[in-house]
Amino acid sequence: MSTRPDTSSALAGLKDFQTATVNYVFDRFYGPDPTRRFLVADEVGLGKTLVARGVIARTIDHLWDEVLRNKSRRIDVIYICSNADIARQT
């Protein structure tokens, strides 16, 4: 894929608290004191899947130029989901 994915479309429908969570998780991964793991947990139906999609979109956007410079690298995402219908959501 040579066209940068549209991050804004993945973030467009998020509620304010979901956007805040995406930003917080992203900052914990790529900010000044990074971590390698992070758990988002809340009540059923509050949008953890949407938050995951937002974090993935921001991460791909963040890594995009670096990966293009080094053509042998790629961005792999492993998303583990307990429900196939949820996993198919875009």
PDB file of N, CA and C in Angstrom:
ATOM      1  N   MET A   1       0.857  -1.177   0.000  1.00  0.00           N
ATOM      2  CA  MET A   1       0.000   0.000   0.000  1.00  0.00           C
ATOM      3  C   MET A   1       0.896   1.232   0.000  1.00  0.00           C
ATOM      4  N   SER A   2       0.694   2.127  -0.968  1.00  0.00           N
ATOM      5  CA  SER A   2       1.535   3.303  -1.054  1.00  0.00           C
ATOM      6  C   SER A   2       0.809   4.582  -0.651  1.00  0.00           C
ATOM      7  N   THR A   3      -0.486   4.509  -0.429  1.00  0.00           N
ATOM      8  CA  THR A   3      -1.258   5.674  -0.027  1.00  0.00           C
ATOM      9  C   THR A   3      -1.483   5.638   1.470  1.00  0.00           C
ATOM     10  N   ARG A   4      -1.127   6.730   2.124  1.00  0.00           N
ATOM     11  CA  ARG A   4      -1.290   6.816   3.571  1.00  0.00           C
ATOM     12  C   ARG A   4      -2.774   6.644   3.923  1.00  0.00           C
ATOM     13  N   PRO A   5      -3.091   5.761   4.851  1.00  0.00           N
ATOM     14  CA  PRO A   5      -4.490   5.577   5.259  1.00  0.00           C
ATOM     15  C   PRO A   5      -5.072   6.848   5.879  1.00  0.00           C
ATOM     16  N   ASP A   6      -6.377   7.004   5.771  1.00  0.00           N
ATOM     17  CA  ASP A   6      -7.075   8.180   6.297  1.00  0.00           C
ATOM     18  C   ASP A   6      -7.383   7.979   7.778  1.00  0.00           C
ATOM     19  N   THR A   7      -6.525   8.494   8.623  1.00  0.00           N
ATOM     20  CA  THR A   7      -6.696   8.371  10.068  1.00  0.00           C
ATOM     21  C   THR A   7      -7.947   9.093  10.550  1.00  0.00           C
ATOM     22  N   SER A   8      -8.240  10.222   9.948  1.00  0.00           N
ATOM     23  CA  SER A   8      -9.373  11.033  10.409  1.00  0.00           C
ATOM     24  C   SER A   8     -10.696  10.293  10.306  1.00  0.00           C
ATOM     25  N   SER A   9     -10.855   9.409   9.320  1.00  0.00           N
ATOM     26  CA  SER A   9     -12.112   8.671   9.197  1.00  0.00           C
ATOM     27  C   SER A   9     -12.285   7.678  10.341  1.00  0.00           C
ATOM     28  N   ALA A  10     -11.187   7.114  10.824  1.00  0.00           N
ATOM     29  CA  ALA A  10     -11.268   6.179  11.948  1.00  0.00           C
ATOM     30  C   ALA A  10     -11.580   6.902  13.251  1.00  0.00           C
ATOM     31  N   LEU A  11     -11.212   8.167  13.337  1.00  0.00           N
ATOM     32  CA  LEU A  11     -11.417   8.941  14.561  1.00  0.00           C
ATOM     33  C   LEU A  11     -12.684   9.788  14.531  1.00  0.00           C
ATOM     34  N   ALA A  12     -13.268   9.965  13.348  1.00  0.00           N
ATOM     35  CA  ALA A  12     -14.366  10.912  13.162  1.00  0.00           C
ATOM     36  C   ALA A  12     -15.598  10.635  14.023  1.00  0.00           C
ATOM     37  N   GLY A  13     -15.985   9.401  14.173  1.00  0.00           N
ATOM     38  CA  GLY A  13     -17.223   9.106  14.882  1.00  0.00           C
ATOM     39  C   GLY A  13     -17.080   8.882  16.373  1.00  0.00           C
ATOM     40  N   LEU A  14     -15.896   9.082  16.905  1.00  0.00           N
ATOM     41  CA  LEU A  14     -15.682   8.802  18.328  1.00  0.00           C
ATOM     42  C   LEU A  14     -16.294   9.883  19.210  1.00  0.00           C
ATOM     43  N   LYS A  15     -16.796   9.445  20.342  1.00  0.00           N
ATOM     44  CA  LYS A  15     -17.260  10.394  21.365  1.00  0.00           C
ATOM     45  C   LYS A  15     -16.030  11.007  22.036  1.00  0.00           C
ATOM     46  N   ASP A  16     -16.233  12.113  22.725  1.00  0.00           N
ATOM     47  CA  ASP A  16     -15.109  12.821  23.352  1.00  0.00           C
ATOM     48  C   ASP A  16     -14.297  11.919  24.282  1.00  0.00           C
ATOM     49  N   PHE A  17     -14.976  11.098  25.110  1.00  0.00           N
ATOM     50  CA  PHE A  17     -14.232  10.253  26.054  1.00  0.00           C
ATOM     51  C   PHE A  17     -13.475   9.145  25.323  1.00  0.00           C
ATOM     52  N   GLN A  18     -13.975   8.702  24.172  1.00  0.00           N
ATOM     53  CA  GLN A  18     -13.265   7.696  23.379  1.00  0.00           C
ATOM     54  C   GLN A  18     -12.030   8.309  22.721  1.00  0.00           C
ATOM     55  N   THR A  19     -12.175   9.515  22.195  1.00  0.00           N
ATOM     56  CA  THR A  19     -11.032  10.222  21.613  1.00  0.00           C
ATOM     57  C   THR A  19      -9.966  10.475  22.668  1.00  0.00           C
ATOM     58  N   ALA A  20     -10.389  10.872  23.850  1.00  0.00           N
ATOM     59  CA  ALA A  20      -9.434  11.098  24.951  1.00  0.00           C
ATOM     60  C   ALA A  20      -8.693   9.805  25.288  1.00  0.00           C
ATOM     61  N   THR A  21      -9.390   8.688  25.258  1.00  0.00           N
ATOM     62  CA  THR A  21      -8.754   7.399  25.542  1.00  0.00           C
ATOM     63  C   THR A  21      -7.766   7.032  24.451  1.00  0.00           C
ATOM     64  N   VAL A  22      -8.147   7.215  23.189  1.00  0.00           N
ATOM     65  CA  VAL A  22      -7.235   6.963  22.071  1.00  0.00           C
ATOM     66  C   VAL A  22      -5.965   7.791  22.247  1.00  0.00           C
ATOM     67  N   ASN A  23      -6.120   9.064  22.528  1.00  0.00           N
ATOM     68  CA  ASN A  23      -4.959   9.946  22.678  1.00  0.00           C
ATOM     69  C   ASN A  23      -4.089   9.548  23.860  1.00  0.00           C
ATOM     70  N   TYR A  24      -4.722   9.167  24.957  1.00  0.00           N
ATOM     71  CA  TYR A  24      -3.961   8.767  26.142  1.00  0.00           C
ATOM     72  C   TYR A  24      -3.159   7.489  25.866  1.00  0.00           C
ATOM     73  N   VAL A  25      -3.813   6.496  25.269  1.00  0.00           N
ATOM     74  CA  VAL A  25      -3.124   5.234  24.971  1.00  0.00           C
ATOM     75  C   VAL A  25      -1.982   5.487  23.988  1.00  0.00           C
ATOM     76  N   PHE A  26      -2.250   6.250  22.937  1.00  0.00           N
ATOM     77  CA  PHE A  26      -1.205   6.552  21.955  1.00  0.00           C
ATOM     78  C   PHE A  26      -0.021   7.248  22.626  1.00  0.00           C
ATOM     79  N   ASP A  27      -0.294   8.217  23.482  1.00  0.00           N
ATOM     80  CA  ASP A  27       0.781   8.916  24.194  1.00  0.00           C
ATOM     81  C   ASP A  27       1.562   7.983  25.109  1.00  0.00           C
ATOM     82  N   ARG A  28       0.894   7.010  25.684  1.00  0.00           N
ATOM     83  CA  ARG A  28       1.599   6.050  26.541  1.00  0.00           C
ATOM     84  C   ARG A  28       2.503   5.134  25.708  1.00  0.00           C
ATOM     85  N   PHE A  29       2.107   4.857  24.474  1.00  0.00           N
ATOM     86  CA  PHE A  29       2.951   4.040  23.593  1.00  0.00           C
ATOM     87  C   PHE A  29       4.102   4.828  22.982  1.00  0.00           C
ATOM     88  N   TYR A  30       3.864   6.066  22.591  1.00  0.00           N
ATOM     89  CA  TYR A  30       4.846   6.813  21.816  1.00  0.00           C
ATOM     90  C   TYR A  30       5.302   8.112  22.467  1.00  0.00           C
ATOM     91  N   GLY A  31       4.871   8.392  23.672  1.00  0.00           N
ATOM     92  CA  GLY A  31       5.254   9.607  24.371  1.00  0.00           C
ATOM     93  C   GLY A  31       6.619   9.494  25.028  1.00  0.00           C
ATOM     94  N   PRO A  32       6.930  10.429  25.923  1.00  0.00           N
ATOM     95  CA  PRO A  32       8.259  10.488  26.528  1.00  0.00           C
ATOM     96  C   PRO A  32       8.579   9.326  27.476  1.00  0.00           C
ATOM     97  N   ASP A  33       7.586   8.691  28.027  1.00  0.00           N
ATOM     98  CA  ASP A  33       7.814   7.561  28.942  1.00  0.00           C
ATOM     99  C   ASP A  33       7.014   6.360  28.426  1.00  0.00           C
ATOM    100  N   PRO A  34       7.434   5.758  27.297  1.00  0.00           N
ATOM    101  CA  PRO A  34       6.605   4.755  26.632  1.00  0.00           C
ATOM    102  C   PRO A  34       6.508   3.429  27.383  1.00  0.00           C
ATOM    103  N   THR A  35       5.406   2.761  27.137  1.00  0.00           N
ATOM    104  CA  THR A  35       5.178   1.420  27.637  1.00  0.00           C
ATOM    105  C   THR A  35       4.954   0.502  26.449  1.00  0.00           C
ATOM    106  N   ARG A  36       5.135  -0.789  26.630  1.00  0.00           N
ATOM    107  CA  ARG A  36       4.921  -1.750  25.539  1.00  0.00           C
ATOM    108  C   ARG A  36       3.544  -2.401  25.600  1.00  0.00           C
ATOM    109  N   ARG A  37       2.873  -2.262  26.727  1.00  0.00           N
ATOM    110  CA  ARG A  37       1.555  -2.888  26.884  1.00  0.00           C
ATOM    111  C   ARG A  37       0.596  -1.902  27.521  1.00  0.00           C
ATOM    112  N   PHE A  38      -0.674  -2.068  27.186  1.00  0.00           N
ATOM    113  CA  PHE A  38      -1.685  -1.199  27.755  1.00  0.00           C
ATOM    114  C   PHE A  38      -3.018  -1.928  27.699  1.00  0.00           C
ATOM    115  N   LEU A  39      -3.812  -1.821  28.751  1.00  0.00           N
ATOM    116  CA  LEU A  39      -5.124  -2.456  28.807  1.00  0.00           C
ATOM    117  C   LEU A  39      -6.193  -1.379  28.926  1.00  0.00           C
ATOM    118  N   VAL A  40      -7.166  -1.435  28.023  1.00  0.00           N
ATOM    119  CA  VAL A  40      -8.334  -0.560  28.102  1.00  0.00           C
ATOM    120  C   VAL A  40      -9.491  -1.442  28.545  1.00  0.00           C
ATOM    121  N   ALA A  41     -10.088  -1.099  29.672  1.00  0.00           N
ATOM    122  CA  ALA A  41     -11.191  -1.897  30.207  1.00  0.00           C
ATOM    123  C   ALA A  41     -12.258  -0.970  30.765  1.00  0.00           C
ATOM    124  N   ASP A  42     -13.493  -1.223  30.395  1.00  0.00           N
ATOM    125  CA  ASP A  42     -14.612  -0.461  30.929  1.00  0.00           C
ATOM    126  C   ASP A  42     -15.880  -1.298  30.767  1.00  0.00           C
ATOM    127  N   GLU A  43     -17.013  -0.705  30.981  1.00  0.00           N
ATOM    128  CA  GLU A  43     -18.277  -1.424  30.873  1.00  0.00           C
ATOM    129  C   GLU A  43     -18.558  -1.828  29.425  1.00  0.00           C
ATOM    130  N   VAL A  44     -19.367  -2.861  29.263  1.00  0.00           N
ATOM    131  CA  VAL A  44     -19.786  -3.321  27.946  1.00  0.00           C
ATOM    132  C   VAL A  44     -20.511  -2.184  27.217  1.00  0.00           C
ATOM    133  N   GLY A  45     -20.172  -2.000  25.938  1.00  0.00           N
ATOM    134  CA  GLY A  45     -20.881  -1.038  25.113  1.00  0.00           C
ATOM    135  C   GLY A  45     -20.347   0.377  25.123  1.00  0.00           C
ATOM    136  N   LEU A  46     -19.213   0.616  25.767  1.00  0.00           N
ATOM    137  CA  LEU A  46     -18.672   1.982  25.812  1.00  0.00           C
ATOM    138  C   LEU A  46     -17.664   2.271  24.700  1.00  0.00           C
ATOM    139  N   GLY A  47     -17.416   1.287  23.839  1.00  0.00           N
ATOM    140  CA  GLY A  47     -16.627   1.557  22.648  1.00  0.00           C
ATOM    141  C   GLY A  47     -15.174   1.156  22.674  1.00  0.00           C
ATOM    142  N   LYS A  48     -14.841   0.080  23.388  1.00  0.00           N
ATOM    143  CA  LYS A  48     -13.444  -0.365  23.400  1.00  0.00           C
ATOM    144  C   LYS A  48     -12.962  -0.738  21.998  1.00  0.00           C
ATOM    145  N   THR A  49     -13.839  -1.336  21.192  1.00  0.00           N
ATOM    146  CA  THR A  49     -13.475  -1.692  19.819  1.00  0.00           C
ATOM    147  C   THR A  49     -13.181  -0.433  19.010  1.00  0.00           C
ATOM    148  N   LEU A  50     -13.984   0.598  19.184  1.00  0.00           N
ATOM    149  CA  LEU A  50     -13.756   1.863  18.480  1.00  0.00           C
ATOM    150  C   LEU A  50     -12.460   2.522  18.945  1.00  0.00           C
ATOM    151  N   VAL A  51     -12.186   2.429  20.229  1.00  0.00           N
ATOM    152  CA  VAL A  51     -10.928   2.963  20.764  1.00  0.00           C
ATOM    153  C   VAL A  51      -9.755   2.194  20.166  1.00  0.00           C
ATOM    154  N   ALA A  52      -9.853   0.880  20.098  1.00  0.00           N
ATOM    155  CA  ALA A  52      -8.780   0.071  19.506  1.00  0.00           C
ATOM    156  C   ALA A  52      -8.549   0.479  18.057  1.00  0.00           C
ATOM    157  N   ARG A  53      -9.631   0.672  17.304  1.00  0.00           N
ATOM    158  CA  ARG A  53      -9.509   1.105  15.911  1.00  0.00           C
ATOM    159  C   ARG A  53      -8.806   2.467  15.831  1.00  0.00           C
ATOM    160  N   GLY A  54      -9.146   3.369  16.741  1.00  0.00           N
ATOM    161  CA  GLY A  54      -8.504   4.683  16.762  1.00  0.00           C
ATOM    162  C   GLY A  54      -7.025   4.605  17.094  1.00  0.00           C
ATOM    163  N   VAL A  55      -6.675   3.772  18.059  1.00  0.00           N
ATOM    164  CA  VAL A  55      -5.265   3.604  18.434  1.00  0.00           C
ATOM    165  C   VAL A  55      -4.482   3.002  17.267  1.00  0.00           C
ATOM    166  N   ILE A  56      -5.068   2.017  16.617  1.00  0.00           N
ATOM    167  CA  ILE A  56      -4.410   1.390  15.463  1.00  0.00           C
ATOM    168  C   ILE A  56      -4.217   2.419  14.348  1.00  0.00           C
ATOM    169  N   ALA A  57      -5.241   3.215  14.077  1.00  0.00           N
ATOM    170  CA  ALA A  57      -5.147   4.236  13.022  1.00  0.00           C
ATOM    171  C   ALA A  57      -4.051   5.250  13.340  1.00  0.00           C
ATOM    172  N   ARG A  58      -4.013   5.732  14.571  1.00  0.00           N
ATOM    173  CA  ARG A  58      -2.983   6.711  14.947  1.00  0.00           C
ATOM    174  C   ARG A  58      -1.590   6.092  14.890  1.00  0.00           C
ATOM    175  N   THR A  59      -1.470   4.827  15.275  1.00  0.00           N
ATOM    176  CA  THR A  59      -0.183   4.147  15.243  1.00  0.00           C
ATOM    177  C   THR A  59       0.311   3.983  13.812  1.00  0.00           C
ATOM    178  N   ILE A  60      -0.564   3.546  12.914  1.00  0.00           N
ATOM    179  CA  ILE A  60      -0.180   3.402  11.509  1.00  0.00           C
ATOM    180  C   ILE A  60       0.245   4.752  10.944  1.00  0.00           C
ATOM    181  N   ASP A  61      -0.508   5.790  11.250  1.00  0.00           N
ATOM    182  CA  ASP A  61      -0.158   7.123  10.779  1.00  0.00           C
ATOM    183  C   ASP A  61       1.210   7.548  11.314  1.00  0.00           C
ATOM    184  N   HIS A  62       1.456   7.255  12.576  1.00  0.00           N
ATOM    185  CA  HIS A  62       2.721   7.617  13.221  1.00  0.00           C
ATOM    186  C   HIS A  62       3.906   6.879  12.590  1.00  0.00           C
ATOM    187  N   LEU A  63       3.728   5.615  12.256  1.00  0.00           N
ATOM    188  CA  LEU A  63       4.819   4.784  11.745  1.00  0.00           C
ATOM    189  C   LEU A  63       4.975   4.850  10.228  1.00  0.00           C
ATOM    190  N   TRP A  64       4.009   5.439   9.535  1.00  0.00           N
ATOM    191  CA  TRP A  64       3.938   5.372   8.074  1.00  0.00           C
ATOM    192  C   TRP A  64       5.224   5.837   7.384  1.00  0.00           C
ATOM    193  N   ASP A  65       5.698   7.025   7.683  1.00  0.00           N
ATOM    194  CA  ASP A  65       6.872   7.558   6.994  1.00  0.00           C
ATOM    195  C   ASP A  65       8.117   6.727   7.268  1.00  0.00           C
ATOM    196  N   GLU A  66       8.261   6.262   8.497  1.00  0.00           N
ATOM    197  CA  GLU A  66       9.412   5.431   8.849  1.00  0.00           C
ATOM    198  C   GLU A  66       9.417   4.136   8.042  1.00  0.00           C
ATOM    199  N   VAL A  67       8.260   3.543   7.877  1.00  0.00           N
ATOM    200  CA  VAL A  67       8.152   2.283   7.137  1.00  0.00           C
ATOM    201  C   VAL A  67       8.420   2.517   5.650  1.00  0.00           C
ATOM    202  N   LEU A  68       7.953   3.641   5.106  1.00  0.00           N
ATOM    203  CA  LEU A  68       8.214   3.940   3.696  1.00  0.00           C
ATOM    204  C   LEU A  68       9.703   4.147   3.427  1.00  0.00           C
ATOM    205  N   ARG A  69      10.414   4.757   4.397  1.00  0.00           N
ATOM    206  CA  ARG A  69      11.856   4.977   4.230  1.00  0.00           C
ATOM    207  C   ARG A  69      12.613   3.649   4.192  1.00  0.00           C
ATOM    208  N   ASN A  70      12.149   2.681   4.938  1.00  0.00           N
ATOM    209  CA  ASN A  70      12.798   1.379   5.017  1.00  0.00           C
ATOM    210  C   ASN A  70      11.870   0.358   4.368  1.00  0.00           C
ATOM    211  N   LYS A  71      11.960   0.193   3.079  1.00  0.00           N
ATOM    212  CA  LYS A  71      10.995  -0.593   2.307  1.00  0.00           C
ATOM    213  C   LYS A  71      10.866  -2.050   2.764  1.00  0.00           C
ATOM    214  N   SER A  72      11.831  -2.551   3.483  1.00  0.00           N
ATOM    215  CA  SER A  72      11.755  -3.948   3.925  1.00  0.00           C
ATOM    216  C   SER A  72      10.863  -4.110   5.162  1.00  0.00           C
ATOM    217  N   ARG A  73      10.522  -2.995   5.809  1.00  0.00           N
ATOM    218  CA  ARG A  73       9.688  -3.073   7.013  1.00  0.00           C
ATOM    219  C   ARG A  73       8.224  -2.965   6.654  1.00  0.00           C
ATOM    220  N   ARG A  74       7.397  -3.391   7.553  1.00  0.00           N
ATOM    221  CA  ARG A  74       5.950  -3.284   7.374  1.00  0.00           C
ATOM    222  C   ARG A  74       5.314  -3.064   8.730  1.00  0.00           C
ATOM    223  N   ILE A  75       4.062  -2.709   8.720  1.00  0.00           N
ATOM    224  CA  ILE A  75       3.313  -2.511   9.961  1.00  0.00           C
ATOM    225  C   ILE A  75       2.361  -3.692  10.092  1.00  0.00           C
ATOM    226  N   ASP A  76       2.572  -4.506  11.109  1.00  0.00           N
ATOM    227  CA  ASP A  76       1.695  -5.649  11.382  1.00  0.00           C
ATOM    228  C   ASP A  76       0.822  -5.330  12.580  1.00  0.00           C
ATOM    229  N   VAL A  77      -0.457  -5.619  12.471  1.00  0.00           N
ATOM    230  CA  VAL A  77      -1.393  -5.425  13.567  1.00  0.00           C
ATOM    231  C   VAL A  77      -2.065  -6.758  13.837  1.00  0.00           C
ATOM    232  N   ILE A  78      -2.026  -7.182  15.069  1.00  0.00           N
ATOM    233  CA  ILE A  78      -2.736  -8.381  15.485  1.00  0.00           C
ATOM    234  C   ILE A  78      -3.849  -7.933  16.419  1.00  0.00           C
ATOM    235  N   TYR A  79      -5.072  -8.181  16.000  1.00  0.00           N
ATOM    236  CA  TYR A  79      -6.240  -7.770  16.782  1.00  0.00           C
ATOM    237  C   TYR A  79      -6.982  -9.027  17.200  1.00  0.00           C
ATOM    238  N   ILE A  80      -7.024  -9.292  18.486  1.00  0.00           N
ATOM    239  CA  ILE A  80      -7.688 -10.473  19.015  1.00  0.00           C
ATOM    240  C   ILE A  80      -9.056 -10.056  19.525  1.00  0.00           C
ATOM    241  N   CYS A  81     -10.068 -10.720  19.018  1.00  0.00           N
ATOM    242  CA  CYS A  81     -11.440 -10.335  19.338  1.00  0.00           C
ATOM    243  C   CYS A  81     -12.244 -11.603  19.600  1.00  0.00           C
ATOM    244  N   SER A  82     -13.141 -11.531  20.573  1.00  0.00           N
ATOM    245  CA  SER A  82     -13.913 -12.715  20.938  1.00  0.00           C
ATOM    246  C   SER A  82     -15.142 -12.918  20.063  1.00  0.00           C
ATOM    247  N   ASN A  83     -15.425 -11.984  19.165  1.00  0.00           N
ATOM    248  CA  ASN A  83     -16.641 -12.041  18.381  1.00  0.00           C
ATOM    249  C   ASN A  83     -16.319 -11.676  16.935  1.00  0.00           C
ATOM    250  N   ALA A  84     -16.619 -12.563  15.997  1.00  0.00           N
ATOM    251  CA  ALA A  84     -16.295 -12.346  14.584  1.00  0.00           C
ATOM    252  C   ALA A  84     -17.038 -11.117  14.031  1.00  0.00           C
ATOM    253  N   ASP A  85     -18.265 -10.867  14.472  1.00  0.00           N
ATOM    254  CA  ASP A  85     -19.006  -9.697  13.988  1.00  0.00           C
ATOM    255  C   ASP A  85     -18.303  -8.406  14.379  1.00  0.00           C
ATOM    256  N   ILE A  86     -17.810  -8.350  15.595  1.00  0.00           N
ATOM    257  CA  ILE A  86     -17.082  -7.168  16.048  1.00  0.00           C
ATOM    258  C   ILE A  86     -15.776  -7.027  15.266  1.00  0.00           C
ATOM    259  N   ALA A  87     -15.085  -8.125  15.033  1.00  0.00           N
ATOM    260  CA  ALA A  87     -13.813  -8.077  14.318  1.00  0.00           C
ATOM    261  C   ALA A  87     -13.993  -7.570  12.891  1.00  0.00           C
ATOM    262  N   ARG A  88     -15.140  -7.794  12.287  1.00  0.00           N
ATOM    263  CA  ARG A  88     -15.399  -7.334  10.917  1.00  0.00           C
ATOM    264  C   ARG A  88     -15.785  -5.864  10.829  1.00  0.00           C
ATOM    265  N   GLN A  89     -16.058  -5.218  11.939  1.00  0.00           N
ATOM    266  CA  GLN A  89     -16.443  -3.810  11.913  1.00  0.00           C
ATOM    267  C   GLN A  89     -15.302  -2.980  11.355  1.00  0.00           C
ATOM    268  N   THR A  90     -15.648  -1.983  10.533  1.00  0.00           N
ATOM    269  CA  THR A  90     -14.620  -1.102   9.990  1.00  0.00           C
ATOM    270  C   THR A  90     -14.907   0.319  10.353  1.00  0.00           C
TER     271      THR A  90
END
